[in-house]
Every structure is written in structure tokens, then in C-alpha cells.
Amino acid sequence: MTGPITRKTFYRALTFVFFGIVCSPFVSAQPLPPCEDGSIPEPGADCVDTPAPIDGGASILIAAGVAYGLKRAYDKRKQNKEADIA
């Protein structure tokens, strides 16, 4: 979709940006787990080295990318076949 931005689209984007800026100070990450001795670590300091699990999300993204690529290839082959017939 190309062309000028409508007033409605502009106000929606402006509202989204406004709420993003206003709400961002109130959003926080999960607290750090306590250390083995029971003390709470300082922000920026980490007493345990636990890697972040990325397997589930990465697998879903890869599967979605493969499915999308296959769909695009199928549509392109179908389009070329129709062009050859006409």
C-alpha cells in the first residue's frame, strides 16, 4: 500500500507511540532469582549463570519461515504454469 498517510492512520500511530512512551516506565522484567546464600543480587550483577531457553521460539520461527517459503514457491510455480498456458 503506497500513497499518502491518512489522518486516521496517523492518529492511530500517534496514539500507539504515546501509550508506548507513557507506559514504558511501568514495565519491568522478572526479578532476579535469589543467590544460593539467600541474598538478593544487585541489578546488573548475576550470581547464577543460567542460559536463556530459546529452543521453543526459534523452532516455531524456523518452521513458519519454511512454511512461508514453500507457499511462496507453490504460488510462483502455479503463476508460471498459468502464464505458459495463456
Protein backbone atom coordinates (compact mmCIF):
# COMPACT_ATOMS: atom_id res chain seq x y z
CA MET A 1 0.00 0.00 0.00
CA THR A 2 1.55 3.23 -1.12
CA GLY A 3 0.36 6.79 -1.13
CA PRO A 4 -0.24 9.49 1.44
CA ILE A 5 -0.87 8.58 5.06
CA THR A 6 -4.48 9.14 6.02
CA ARG A 7 -5.41 11.18 9.04
CA LYS A 8 -6.94 8.12 10.73
CA THR A 9 -3.73 6.10 10.29
CA PHE A 10 -1.63 8.98 11.58
CA TYR A 11 -3.72 9.36 14.74
CA ARG A 12 -3.64 5.62 15.39
CA ALA A 13 0.15 5.58 15.12
CA LEU A 14 0.43 8.69 17.29
CA THR A 15 -1.79 7.10 19.95
CA PHE A 16 0.26 3.89 19.89
CA VAL A 17 3.54 5.82 20.28
CA PHE A 18 2.06 7.98 23.07
CA PHE A 19 0.91 4.98 25.10
CA GLY A 20 4.23 3.24 24.47
CA ILE A 21 6.14 6.20 25.88
CA VAL A 22 3.77 6.75 28.81
CA CYS A 23 3.57 3.06 29.83
CA SER A 24 7.23 2.13 29.35
CA PRO A 25 8.45 3.28 32.81
CA PHE A 26 5.95 0.93 34.47
CA VAL A 27 7.05 -2.19 32.59
CA SER A 28 9.75 -4.28 34.20
CA ALA A 29 11.40 -7.64 33.68
CA GLN A 30 11.16 -10.57 36.04
CA PRO A 31 13.16 -10.18 39.24
CA LEU A 32 16.48 -11.98 39.51
CA PRO A 33 16.41 -15.29 41.37
CA PRO A 34 17.98 -15.26 44.82
CA CYS A 35 21.57 -16.40 45.22
CA GLU A 36 22.48 -19.71 46.87
CA ASP A 37 23.14 -17.93 50.16
CA GLY A 38 19.66 -16.34 50.09
CA SER A 39 20.78 -12.81 49.31
CA ILE A 40 19.17 -10.83 46.51
CA PRO A 41 21.66 -9.79 43.78
CA GLU A 42 22.13 -6.17 42.84
CA PRO A 43 20.77 -5.03 39.46
CA GLY A 44 23.39 -5.78 36.83
CA ALA A 45 25.05 -8.45 38.98
CA ASP A 46 24.21 -12.09 38.44
CA CYS A 47 25.05 -14.79 40.98
CA VAL A 48 23.89 -17.67 38.76
CA ASP A 49 24.75 -18.38 35.15
CA THR A 50 21.54 -19.77 33.72
CA PRO A 51 21.23 -19.59 29.95
CA ALA A 52 18.00 -18.33 28.43
CA PRO A 53 15.93 -21.04 26.72
CA ILE A 54 15.48 -20.12 23.06
CA ASP A 55 14.66 -23.53 21.60
CA GLY A 56 10.86 -23.33 21.53
CA GLY A 57 10.56 -19.89 19.97
CA ALA A 58 13.36 -20.43 17.48
CA SER A 59 11.86 -23.72 16.31
CA ILE A 60 8.48 -22.09 15.73
CA LEU A 61 10.05 -19.21 13.77
CA ILE A 62 12.07 -21.59 11.60
CA ALA A 63 9.02 -23.76 10.90
CA ALA A 64 6.97 -20.67 10.00
CA GLY A 65 9.73 -19.45 7.66
CA VAL A 66 9.92 -22.81 5.89
CA ALA A 67 6.13 -22.96 5.50
CA TYR A 68 6.05 -19.41 4.14
CA GLY A 69 8.84 -20.18 1.66
CA LEU A 70 7.07 -23.31 0.44
CA LYS A 71 3.82 -21.38 -0.01
CA ARG A 72 5.60 -18.67 -2.00
CA ALA A 73 7.31 -21.26 -4.20
CA TYR A 74 3.98 -23.05 -4.80
CA ASP A 75 2.24 -19.78 -5.73
CA LYS A 76 5.09 -18.78 -8.06
CA ARG A 77 5.08 -22.18 -9.80
CA LYS A 78 1.29 -22.02 -10.19
CA GLN A 79 1.52 -18.47 -11.61
CA ASN A 80 4.21 -19.52 -14.13
CA LYS A 81 2.17 -22.56 -15.17
CA GLU A 82 -0.88 -20.36 -15.82
CA ALA A 83 1.23 -17.89 -17.81
CA ASP A 84 2.56 -20.71 -20.03
CA ILE A 85 -0.97 -21.93 -20.79
CA ALA A 86 -2.30 -18.49 -21.74
